[in-house]
Structures are given as C-alpha cells and as structure tokens.
Amino acid sequence: MSFRLDPGKACDAELRRVMLLQINHVRQHALAVAEEPLKSPHEARKAIKKIRAALRLARATDKAFYRRENARWRDISASLAGPREAAALIETVDRFVKEFADDANRSALLTLRAHLVMRLELLKSTRDALEAAGQACVVGCDEAARAIENWPLPHASKAGAHLLAKGAKRAWKDAEAARKEARRTGEEDDFHNLRKAVKRHWTHLGLLHDLWPGPVKKRREAVEALGNMLGELNDIYVMEGHMRTGAVEMGFDTEGHFARLLEQKRLELRRSSVAEAEKLFGKPPSGLRASFEAAMARARAKSKTPKQRKAA
C-alpha cells in the first residue's frame, strides 16, 4: 500500500492507514536489528521520519496528542541511531576521498576510514544492546498503533482539507523561518532545524501528491536534492563534533588536512543550501485549502458509478 493520501477517501481513515503502514515497517525492521545492524535501523528510522511528519501535518487536531506521540518516536529513533551514525561517518570520509582523490591528504583520509570501520564493527558486535533496542522499539510500535485508534481526526472532506492545508502551510513557513535563521546565524543547530523542516516538507509532498496543486513531482525532486545537501552538511558537523571530543582520533593527521577540508566543504554547503532554500521557500503557497477541496471533490466524483452520478 502507498504512503500517499487518497483524496477520494475520508481524511481520518487515510491518515490512520498511512501511519499504521509505517508503524508496521518500523516494527518489522526492529525485529531484525541484531541480524542487520546497519540496514534495519536505517530503514526503521526512515519510516519513523515519515510517521513524525504525518503527525506534524495533522497536529492541529490535538497538540497534546502530537507532543506525546512525537516524543515517543523521537526517543525510539535515537535508540536505533548508533550503528547508522557510525556508518554515516565512513560515508562522509568516502565522499572526501572521491572529491579530493589527488590531494596530499588522501593517505590520512584512508587511515581515518580504517579507524572508523573498526569502530563500526565494534558497534555491530554489541548484539545484546541491539536486540534490547529492537525489542523496546517493538513495544513502542504496539503502543503507538493502539494510540492511533484514538487520534482525533476529521472525517468530512472540507474539514480534512482545512487540516491538511493548515499543516502543509505551517511546514512551509517553518522551513522558510529556519532558512532565515540559518542564514543569519550560520550555527549548526539552525542548519539542523532547516534540514528537519526540509525533510518534513518533502514527506508532506509525498503524502499530498494527489492533492497538491502544480508540478508536485518536480518540486519534490528539488526539495529532495536540498535535503541531501543538508544531510551532507549534517554529516560534516557530526564528524567535526566527534573530532573535537576525541571520539574520532585524528592524531595521525598531524598537519590537520582533514579538518581544513571539512571546513572548506562546510562553508560551501552552507552557502549553497541557503541559496537553494530561498528559491524553494521564499514565497509561501496560497489557496492550498481550496485546491485540496477541489482535488477531493474530483476524486469523489470519479469514484462514483454512472448510476450514482446520474442520481446526484
């Protein structure tokens, strides 16, 4: 089944359907984290991001419910982060090896990579901890699935269109506000907030694909590219943080080649991501509610039999 709202069906049923679909994905991957310590936590966390984005889209219905469930999924995601974060550090080094293949720092980068691979293998070997995290995740999934039954959502089309439009527009404004703050401060936390806002909007575009006005596929591709750029920037911030704390040992890079390359790439990505975000979020959408209502009306009319259309 698709992670896409069907405009011809009731809003409440569709939101519950997509949420339960993703909760089931998380549960399945949680059961396999010990056997697949890289793939399963990564896939589970991707599904969790979709769950949190859907919750945020409809949070106006009950903000207390949203805060409680969002906190649940935030904590579950954090419990599964270890091996995936370690793998992301290796991917960061791989990007630098490829981009600066002819640089004098290649030897230091390869030495660092070997160190990070050993670190990842150690994390993967902690089977008991992985199994415990997976089991806790399964319990959380079952509790969340029961909670979804009591999620206060609108059934009628107009109320549903209003809720979805309000949530989508709020997410757009959040992304624009995060862009302005990141441009103003240049701080890591503000770029992290921008990344989260961009990812949420990307997920919303997928959920609302059949309701969104205009060329949604093209916009979603552009938003995904921006999200990937900000993801690469986040990986650099994480690497720099580990280097500062000594979690990643850099004693072999006595000349500081890698630190300089990280700074160079970080500044480049910051400039590019802010500029691209301005193109995508500088002008907020208008008429979303009317567009969503019209899409729902078209879908309902299309689903009617000839006899039903004649009677109407």
Protein backbone atom coordinates (compact mmCIF):
# COMPACT_ATOMS: atom_id res chain seq x y z
CA MET A 1 0.00 0.00 0.00
CA SER A 2 1.15 3.53 -0.76
CA PHE A 3 2.35 6.26 1.60
CA ARG A 4 0.08 8.69 -0.25
CA LEU A 5 -3.29 10.04 0.82
CA ASP A 6 -6.18 9.08 -1.44
CA PRO A 7 -8.24 12.27 -1.93
CA GLY A 8 -11.34 10.23 -2.68
CA LYS A 9 -11.40 8.64 0.77
CA ALA A 10 -12.07 10.03 4.25
CA CYS A 11 -9.18 12.02 5.70
CA ASP A 12 -9.23 10.30 9.09
CA ALA A 13 -9.13 6.80 7.62
CA GLU A 14 -6.34 7.70 5.22
CA LEU A 15 -4.12 9.30 7.86
CA ARG A 16 -4.56 6.28 10.12
CA ARG A 17 -3.81 3.95 7.20
CA VAL A 18 -0.50 5.59 6.28
CA MET A 19 0.54 5.82 9.93
CA LEU A 20 -0.18 2.14 10.60
CA LEU A 21 1.63 1.23 7.39
CA GLN A 22 4.80 2.96 8.57
CA ILE A 23 4.47 1.66 12.13
CA ASN A 24 4.38 -1.85 10.69
CA HIS A 25 7.55 -1.10 8.68
CA VAL A 26 9.31 0.10 11.83
CA ARG A 27 8.19 -2.99 13.73
CA GLN A 28 9.44 -5.39 11.06
CA HIS A 29 12.84 -3.74 10.86
CA ALA A 30 13.12 -3.52 14.66
CA LEU A 31 12.83 -7.30 14.86
CA ALA A 32 15.83 -7.64 12.54
CA VAL A 33 18.27 -5.08 14.01
CA ALA A 34 20.58 -7.70 15.53
CA GLU A 35 20.86 -9.62 12.24
CA GLU A 36 21.08 -6.48 10.08
CA PRO A 37 22.63 -3.82 12.36
CA LEU A 38 23.11 -1.32 9.52
CA LYS A 39 20.18 -1.81 7.16
CA SER A 40 17.36 -2.45 9.63
CA PRO A 41 17.92 0.53 11.99
CA HIS A 42 18.37 2.78 8.95
CA GLU A 43 15.13 1.61 7.33
CA ALA A 44 13.28 1.84 10.64
CA ARG A 45 14.45 5.41 11.19
CA LYS A 46 13.36 6.41 7.67
CA ALA A 47 9.86 5.12 8.43
CA ILE A 48 9.90 6.97 11.75
CA LYS A 49 10.62 10.23 9.94
CA LYS A 50 7.51 9.65 7.84
CA ILE A 51 5.46 8.94 10.97
CA ARG A 52 6.63 12.13 12.67
CA ALA A 53 5.97 14.17 9.54
CA ALA A 54 2.42 12.81 9.28
CA LEU A 55 1.82 13.59 12.95
CA ARG A 56 3.05 17.13 12.42
CA LEU A 57 0.85 17.58 9.36
CA ALA A 58 -2.25 16.89 11.48
CA ARG A 59 -1.05 18.23 14.84
CA ALA A 60 -3.71 20.99 14.94
CA THR A 61 -6.34 18.37 15.83
CA ASP A 62 -4.83 17.69 19.26
CA LYS A 63 -1.49 19.27 20.16
CA ALA A 64 -1.13 17.22 23.36
CA PHE A 65 -1.53 14.02 21.34
CA TYR A 66 1.04 15.28 18.84
CA ARG A 67 3.59 16.16 21.54
CA ARG A 68 3.20 12.80 23.25
CA GLU A 69 3.47 10.68 20.10
CA ASN A 70 6.22 12.79 18.57
CA ALA A 71 8.30 12.36 21.75
CA ARG A 72 7.70 8.61 21.62
CA TRP A 73 9.05 8.35 18.06
CA ARG A 74 11.93 10.75 18.71
CA ASP A 75 13.15 8.53 21.55
CA ILE A 76 12.72 5.32 19.55
CA SER A 77 14.68 6.78 16.65
CA ALA A 78 17.51 7.88 18.95
CA SER A 79 17.75 4.36 20.42
CA LEU A 80 18.46 2.97 16.93
CA ALA A 81 20.97 5.60 15.84
CA GLY A 82 24.31 4.08 16.89
CA PRO A 83 25.41 1.83 14.00
CA ARG A 84 23.84 4.07 11.36
CA GLU A 85 25.65 7.16 12.65
CA ALA A 86 28.93 5.25 12.62
CA ALA A 87 28.29 4.18 9.01
CA ALA A 88 27.47 7.78 8.06
CA LEU A 89 30.92 8.86 9.27
CA ILE A 90 32.50 6.36 6.88
CA GLU A 91 30.33 7.65 4.04
CA THR A 92 31.50 11.18 4.84
CA VAL A 93 35.13 10.12 4.51
CA ASP A 94 34.35 8.26 1.27
CA ARG A 95 32.91 11.44 -0.25
CA PHE A 96 36.08 13.32 0.64
CA VAL A 97 38.33 10.57 -0.73
CA LYS A 98 36.43 10.76 -4.02
CA GLU A 99 36.32 14.55 -4.21
CA PHE A 100 39.92 15.12 -3.18
CA ALA A 101 41.43 11.97 -4.73
CA ASP A 102 44.62 13.70 -5.91
CA ASP A 103 45.21 15.71 -2.77
CA ALA A 104 48.12 15.13 -0.44
CA ASN A 105 45.69 14.27 2.34
CA ARG A 106 44.50 11.03 0.70
CA SER A 107 46.67 8.88 2.95
CA ALA A 108 45.27 10.50 6.11
CA LEU A 109 41.72 10.02 4.85
CA LEU A 110 42.25 6.33 4.18
CA THR A 111 43.83 5.85 7.60
CA LEU A 112 40.82 7.58 9.17
CA ARG A 113 38.48 5.36 7.19
CA ALA A 114 40.16 2.21 8.50
CA HIS A 115 39.76 3.54 12.06
CA LEU A 116 36.05 4.24 11.51
CA VAL A 117 35.46 0.78 10.02
CA MET A 118 36.93 -0.80 13.15
CA ARG A 119 34.70 1.44 15.28
CA LEU A 120 31.62 0.38 13.29
CA GLU A 121 32.47 -3.32 13.60
CA LEU A 122 32.69 -2.90 17.36
CA LEU A 123 29.23 -1.35 17.46
CA LYS A 124 27.81 -4.08 15.26
CA SER A 125 29.19 -6.72 17.61
CA THR A 126 27.15 -5.45 20.58
CA ARG A 127 24.30 -7.83 19.78
CA ASP A 128 22.67 -7.69 23.22
CA ALA A 129 22.33 -3.91 23.09
CA LEU A 130 20.94 -4.03 19.56
CA GLU A 131 18.40 -6.71 20.49
CA ALA A 132 17.30 -4.74 23.54
CA ALA A 133 16.83 -1.60 21.44
CA GLY A 134 14.87 -3.60 18.86
CA GLN A 135 12.57 -5.14 21.45
CA ALA A 136 11.92 -1.76 23.07
CA CYS A 137 11.09 -0.42 19.62
CA VAL A 138 8.58 -3.24 19.04
CA VAL A 139 6.84 -2.42 22.32
CA GLY A 140 6.74 1.25 21.33
CA CYS A 141 5.26 0.37 17.93
CA ASP A 142 2.47 -1.67 19.51
CA GLU A 143 1.64 1.13 21.96
CA ALA A 144 1.68 3.72 19.17
CA ALA A 145 -0.60 1.62 16.96
CA ARG A 146 -3.16 1.48 19.76
CA ALA A 147 -2.84 5.22 20.32
CA ILE A 148 -3.60 5.91 16.65
CA GLU A 149 -7.10 4.49 17.18
CA ASN A 150 -7.83 7.47 19.44
CA TRP A 151 -6.22 10.11 17.23
CA PRO A 152 -8.89 12.85 16.87
CA LEU A 153 -9.12 13.43 13.12
CA PRO A 154 -11.78 14.99 10.88
CA HIS A 155 -13.88 12.69 8.71
CA ALA A 156 -15.62 15.21 6.43
CA SER A 157 -13.84 16.34 3.27
CA LYS A 158 -13.91 20.08 3.95
CA ALA A 159 -12.62 19.69 7.49
CA GLY A 160 -9.95 17.31 6.24
CA ALA A 161 -8.86 19.70 3.50
CA HIS A 162 -8.63 22.51 6.06
CA LEU A 163 -6.50 20.41 8.42
CA LEU A 164 -4.11 19.22 5.70
CA ALA A 165 -3.74 22.66 4.15
CA LYS A 166 -3.08 24.24 7.53
CA GLY A 167 -0.42 21.65 8.34
CA ALA A 168 1.25 21.86 4.94
CA LYS A 169 1.39 25.65 5.00
CA ARG A 170 2.76 25.66 8.54
CA ALA A 171 5.53 23.27 7.48
CA TRP A 172 6.40 25.55 4.54
CA LYS A 173 6.58 28.57 6.85
CA ASP A 174 8.71 26.60 9.33
CA ALA A 175 11.20 25.84 6.55
CA GLU A 176 11.36 29.48 5.49
CA ALA A 177 11.84 30.63 9.09
CA ALA A 178 14.59 28.04 9.56
CA ARG A 179 16.29 29.24 6.35
CA LYS A 180 16.32 32.83 7.53
CA GLU A 181 17.72 31.86 10.92
CA ALA A 182 20.41 29.63 9.40
CA ARG A 183 21.46 32.42 7.05
CA ARG A 184 21.53 34.92 9.93
CA THR A 185 23.50 32.86 12.44
CA GLY A 186 25.37 30.20 10.47
CA GLU A 187 25.01 27.97 13.54
CA GLU A 188 24.95 24.18 13.41
CA ASP A 189 21.63 23.90 15.29
CA ASP A 190 19.91 26.26 12.86
CA PHE A 191 21.08 24.28 9.83
CA HIS A 192 19.91 21.13 11.61
CA ASN A 193 16.48 22.71 12.06
CA LEU A 194 16.44 23.68 8.38
CA ARG A 195 17.27 20.10 7.40
CA LYS A 196 14.43 18.72 9.52
CA ALA A 197 11.96 21.25 8.09
CA VAL A 198 13.01 20.43 4.51
CA LYS A 199 12.65 16.70 5.14
CA ARG A 200 9.19 17.21 6.63
CA HIS A 201 8.06 19.23 3.63
CA TRP A 202 9.43 16.55 1.28
CA THR A 203 7.43 13.92 3.15
CA HIS A 204 4.30 16.09 3.08
CA LEU A 205 4.63 16.47 -0.69
CA GLY A 206 4.62 12.68 -0.95
CA LEU A 207 1.59 12.31 1.30
CA LEU A 208 -0.28 15.08 -0.51
CA HIS A 209 0.88 14.16 -4.02
CA ASP A 210 -2.67 13.72 -5.35
CA LEU A 211 -3.94 16.92 -3.73
CA TRP A 212 -1.05 19.34 -4.25
CA PRO A 213 -1.52 21.97 -6.96
CA GLY A 214 1.11 22.35 -9.68
CA PRO A 215 4.03 20.14 -10.71
CA VAL A 216 4.47 18.33 -7.40
CA LYS A 217 6.94 15.75 -8.75
CA LYS A 218 9.37 18.42 -9.93
CA ARG A 219 9.14 20.29 -6.63
CA ARG A 220 9.64 17.12 -4.62
CA GLU A 221 12.79 16.29 -6.58
CA ALA A 222 14.20 19.77 -5.90
CA VAL A 223 13.33 19.54 -2.20
CA GLU A 224 14.94 16.08 -2.01
CA ALA A 225 18.15 17.44 -3.56
CA LEU A 226 18.22 20.22 -0.96
CA GLY A 227 17.60 17.67 1.80
CA ASN A 228 20.54 15.58 0.57
CA MET A 229 22.75 18.66 0.56
CA LEU A 230 21.77 19.48 4.12
CA GLY A 231 22.28 15.83 5.07
CA GLU A 232 25.84 16.00 3.81
CA LEU A 233 26.35 19.19 5.81
CA ASN A 234 24.95 17.47 8.91
CA ASP A 235 27.40 14.59 8.46
CA ILE A 236 30.25 17.10 8.43
CA TYR A 237 29.01 18.71 11.63
CA VAL A 238 28.78 15.27 13.27
CA MET A 239 32.33 14.40 12.16
CA GLU A 240 33.70 17.71 13.45
CA GLY A 241 31.93 17.15 16.76
CA HIS A 242 33.49 13.70 17.17
CA MET A 243 36.89 15.11 16.34
CA ARG A 244 36.53 17.84 18.99
CA THR A 245 35.56 15.35 21.69
CA GLY A 246 38.18 12.78 20.69
CA ALA A 247 35.58 10.14 19.77
CA VAL A 248 37.29 10.09 16.36
CA GLU A 249 41.07 10.00 16.83
CA MET A 250 42.93 12.31 14.43
CA GLY A 251 46.44 12.07 15.89
CA PHE A 252 47.77 10.61 12.65
CA ASP A 253 46.73 13.75 10.70
CA THR A 254 49.39 15.98 12.23
CA GLU A 255 49.03 18.65 9.54
CA GLY A 256 45.27 18.99 10.02
CA HIS A 257 44.48 18.34 6.34
CA PHE A 258 41.12 16.74 7.02
CA ALA A 259 39.94 19.48 9.38
CA ARG A 260 40.66 22.10 6.72
CA LEU A 261 38.83 20.11 4.06
CA LEU A 262 35.83 19.75 6.36
CA GLU A 263 35.72 23.49 6.98
CA GLN A 264 36.02 24.23 3.26
CA LYS A 265 33.19 21.88 2.37
CA ARG A 266 31.05 23.02 5.30
CA LEU A 267 31.17 26.66 4.20
CA GLU A 268 30.41 25.69 0.61
CA LEU A 269 27.40 23.60 1.59
CA ARG A 270 26.06 26.28 3.90
CA ARG A 271 26.10 28.89 1.14
CA SER A 272 24.56 26.56 -1.45
CA SER A 273 21.82 25.21 0.82
CA VAL A 274 20.67 28.64 1.98
CA ALA A 275 20.52 29.88 -1.61
CA GLU A 276 18.56 26.84 -2.78
CA ALA A 277 16.18 27.04 0.19
CA GLU A 278 15.39 30.65 -0.67
CA LYS A 279 14.31 29.57 -4.16
CA LEU A 280 12.07 26.84 -2.77
CA PHE A 281 10.54 28.52 0.28
CA GLY A 282 10.82 32.26 -0.30
CA LYS A 283 7.22 32.58 -1.47
CA PRO A 284 4.58 30.79 0.64
CA PRO A 285 1.77 28.95 -1.16
CA SER A 286 -1.73 30.38 -1.42
CA GLY A 287 -5.08 28.70 -1.94
CA LEU A 288 -4.00 25.29 -0.65
CA ARG A 289 -7.28 24.66 1.13
CA ALA A 290 -9.35 25.39 -1.99
CA SER A 291 -7.01 23.24 -4.08
CA PHE A 292 -7.27 20.34 -1.65
CA GLU A 293 -11.07 20.61 -1.52
CA ALA A 294 -11.25 20.63 -5.32
CA ALA A 295 -8.97 17.57 -5.57
CA MET A 296 -11.16 15.72 -3.07
CA ALA A 297 -14.32 16.64 -4.96
CA ARG A 298 -12.84 15.44 -8.28
CA ALA A 299 -11.72 12.17 -6.74
CA ARG A 300 -15.14 11.52 -5.18
CA ALA A 301 -16.90 12.28 -8.45
CA LYS A 302 -14.56 9.98 -10.36
CA SER A 303 -15.17 7.11 -7.93
CA LYS A 304 -18.97 7.24 -8.35
CA THR A 305 -20.72 4.77 -10.62
CA PRO A 306 -22.71 6.15 -13.60
CA LYS A 307 -25.90 5.43 -11.65
CA GLN A 308 -24.66 7.37 -8.63
CA ARG A 309 -23.61 10.32 -10.81
CA LYS A 310 -27.00 10.38 -12.50
CA ALA A 311 -28.80 10.32 -9.14
CA ALA A 312 -26.66 13.21 -7.90
